[in-house]
Amino acid sequence: MELYLQTNSVDSNGDKCAFLTQQLEHKIAPMYHHLHGLSYTATGYGSRLPTKYMVKVLNRWRRVYCVCFSNVGTLYIGKLSDKQIIKDY
């Protein structure tokens, strides 16, 4: 599996100028509920569901989260408002 971070690049003035896609190093680091076959929430839906994946961004390992309120989830790191979306291929 290859993971990509999709975000905006920033120019020297601090303005967002272009769409940026970066390939990320990743690892599988399951949490307690993953190891025991449990759901993180009672319904399985939520806005910050931790996944078993971690990605390395700026030499720091970050947990990948999922927002899911229907049949489709969106993976992200940080805050969803930062628009740092993870795409997997």
C-alpha atoms as a PDB file:
ATOM      1  CA  MET A   1       0.000   0.000   0.000  1.00  0.00           C
ATOM      2  CA  GLU A   2       1.192   3.513  -0.765  1.00  0.00           C
ATOM      3  CA  LEU A   3      -0.135   6.508   1.184  1.00  0.00           C
ATOM      4  CA  TYR A   4      -0.200  10.072  -0.116  1.00  0.00           C
ATOM      5  CA  LEU A   5      -0.836  13.354   1.700  1.00  0.00           C
ATOM      6  CA  GLN A   6      -2.860  15.907  -0.259  1.00  0.00           C
ATOM      7  CA  THR A   7      -2.589  19.487   0.977  1.00  0.00           C
ATOM      8  CA  ASN A   8      -1.731  23.007  -0.211  1.00  0.00           C
ATOM      9  CA  SER A   9       1.804  24.291  -0.661  1.00  0.00           C
ATOM     10  CA  VAL A  10       2.695  27.670   0.819  1.00  0.00           C
ATOM     11  CA  ASP A  11       4.851  30.307  -0.855  1.00  0.00           C
ATOM     12  CA  SER A  12       7.398  32.572   0.875  1.00  0.00           C
ATOM     13  CA  ASN A  13       4.663  35.121   1.742  1.00  0.00           C
ATOM     14  CA  GLY A  14       2.651  32.487   3.605  1.00  0.00           C
ATOM     15  CA  ASP A  15      -0.083  32.350   0.956  1.00  0.00           C
ATOM     16  CA  LYS A  16      -1.490  29.018  -0.225  1.00  0.00           C
ATOM     17  CA  CYS A  17      -0.489  28.783  -3.855  1.00  0.00           C
ATOM     18  CA  ALA A  18      -0.842  25.262  -5.245  1.00  0.00           C
ATOM     19  CA  PHE A  19      -2.170  21.796  -4.595  1.00  0.00           C
ATOM     20  CA  LEU A  20       0.542  19.485  -3.211  1.00  0.00           C
ATOM     21  CA  THR A  21       0.665  15.670  -3.103  1.00  0.00           C
ATOM     22  CA  GLN A  22       3.426  13.864  -1.160  1.00  0.00           C
ATOM     23  CA  GLN A  23       4.117  10.158  -0.766  1.00  0.00           C
ATOM     24  CA  LEU A  24       4.442   9.246   2.922  1.00  0.00           C
ATOM     25  CA  GLU A  25       6.312   6.586   4.835  1.00  0.00           C
ATOM     26  CA  HIS A  26       3.798   4.586   6.881  1.00  0.00           C
ATOM     27  CA  LYS A  27       3.564   1.781   9.408  1.00  0.00           C
ATOM     28  CA  ILE A  28       0.821  -0.281  11.023  1.00  0.00           C
ATOM     29  CA  ALA A  29       0.487   0.459  14.742  1.00  0.00           C
ATOM     30  CA  PRO A  30      -2.825  -0.987  15.982  1.00  0.00           C
ATOM     31  CA  MET A  31      -4.455   0.297  19.158  1.00  0.00           C
ATOM     32  CA  TYR A  32      -6.193  -1.770  21.854  1.00  0.00           C
ATOM     33  CA  HIS A  33      -9.596  -1.789  20.151  1.00  0.00           C
ATOM     34  CA  HIS A  34      -8.031  -2.879  16.844  1.00  0.00           C
ATOM     35  CA  LEU A  35      -6.253  -5.824  18.468  1.00  0.00           C
ATOM     36  CA  HIS A  36      -9.430  -7.015  20.193  1.00  0.00           C
ATOM     37  CA  GLY A  37     -11.817  -6.594  17.245  1.00  0.00           C
ATOM     38  CA  LEU A  38     -13.748  -3.743  18.865  1.00  0.00           C
ATOM     39  CA  SER A  39     -15.205  -0.574  17.400  1.00  0.00           C
ATOM     40  CA  TYR A  40     -13.917   2.778  18.686  1.00  0.00           C
ATOM     41  CA  THR A  41     -17.512   4.057  19.069  1.00  0.00           C
ATOM     42  CA  ALA A  42     -20.748   2.218  19.740  1.00  0.00           C
ATOM     43  CA  THR A  43     -22.124   2.948  16.257  1.00  0.00           C
ATOM     44  CA  GLY A  44     -18.851   2.809  14.316  1.00  0.00           C
ATOM     45  CA  TYR A  45     -19.425   6.365  13.078  1.00  0.00           C
ATOM     46  CA  GLY A  46     -17.678   9.544  14.180  1.00  0.00           C
ATOM     47  CA  SER A  47     -15.552  12.506  13.216  1.00  0.00           C
ATOM     48  CA  ARG A  48     -12.221  11.376  14.732  1.00  0.00           C
ATOM     49  CA  LEU A  49     -11.937   7.599  14.553  1.00  0.00           C
ATOM     50  CA  PRO A  50      -8.321   6.424  14.997  1.00  0.00           C
ATOM     51  CA  THR A  51      -7.091   3.945  12.406  1.00  0.00           C
ATOM     52  CA  LYS A  52      -4.317   1.388  12.762  1.00  0.00           C
ATOM     53  CA  TYR A  53      -2.067   3.412  10.428  1.00  0.00           C
ATOM     54  CA  MET A  54       0.598   5.964  11.273  1.00  0.00           C
ATOM     55  CA  VAL A  55       2.454   8.173   8.776  1.00  0.00           C
ATOM     56  CA  LYS A  56       5.740  10.029   9.059  1.00  0.00           C
ATOM     57  CA  VAL A  57       5.320  13.766   8.448  1.00  0.00           C
ATOM     58  CA  LEU A  58       8.217  16.154   9.101  1.00  0.00           C
ATOM     59  CA  ASN A  59      10.179  13.359  10.875  1.00  0.00           C
ATOM     60  CA  ARG A  60       7.333  12.708  13.318  1.00  0.00           C
ATOM     61  CA  TRP A  61       4.943   9.737  13.402  1.00  0.00           C
ATOM     62  CA  ARG A  62       1.311  10.876  13.293  1.00  0.00           C
ATOM     63  CA  ARG A  63      -1.853   8.781  13.729  1.00  0.00           C
ATOM     64  CA  VAL A  64      -4.231   8.644  10.753  1.00  0.00           C
ATOM     65  CA  TYR A  65      -7.867   9.395  11.676  1.00  0.00           C
ATOM     66  CA  CYS A  66     -11.095   8.773   9.799  1.00  0.00           C
ATOM     67  CA  VAL A  67     -14.320  10.780   9.640  1.00  0.00           C
ATOM     68  CA  CYS A  68     -17.244   8.491   8.812  1.00  0.00           C
ATOM     69  CA  PHE A  69     -20.975   9.249   8.964  1.00  0.00           C
ATOM     70  CA  SER A  70     -22.188   7.086   6.088  1.00  0.00           C
ATOM     71  CA  ASN A  71     -20.757   4.303   3.941  1.00  0.00           C
ATOM     72  CA  VAL A  72     -17.652   6.338   3.021  1.00  0.00           C
ATOM     73  CA  GLY A  73     -14.815   7.519   5.247  1.00  0.00           C
ATOM     74  CA  THR A  74     -12.189  10.211   4.733  1.00  0.00           C
ATOM     75  CA  LEU A  75      -8.714   9.692   6.188  1.00  0.00           C
ATOM     76  CA  TYR A  76      -6.776  12.642   7.580  1.00  0.00           C
ATOM     77  CA  ILE A  77      -4.060  13.670  10.025  1.00  0.00           C
ATOM     78  CA  GLY A  78      -4.166  16.558  12.478  1.00  0.00           C
ATOM     79  CA  LYS A  79      -7.459  18.445  12.413  1.00  0.00           C
ATOM     80  CA  LEU A  80      -9.923  17.910   9.580  1.00  0.00           C
ATOM     81  CA  SER A  81     -10.067  21.708   9.117  1.00  0.00           C
ATOM     82  CA  ASP A  82      -6.338  21.660   8.193  1.00  0.00           C
ATOM     83  CA  LYS A  83      -7.354  19.802   5.021  1.00  0.00           C
ATOM     84  CA  GLN A  84      -4.460  17.343   5.211  1.00  0.00           C
ATOM     85  CA  ILE A  85      -6.198  14.418   3.542  1.00  0.00           C
ATOM     86  CA  ILE A  86      -4.631  10.967   3.182  1.00  0.00           C
ATOM     87  CA  LYS A  87      -5.183   9.018  -0.042  1.00  0.00           C
ATOM     88  CA  ASP A  88      -4.257   5.348  -0.299  1.00  0.00           C
ATOM     89  CA  TYR A  89      -3.538   3.418  -3.469  1.00  0.00           C
END
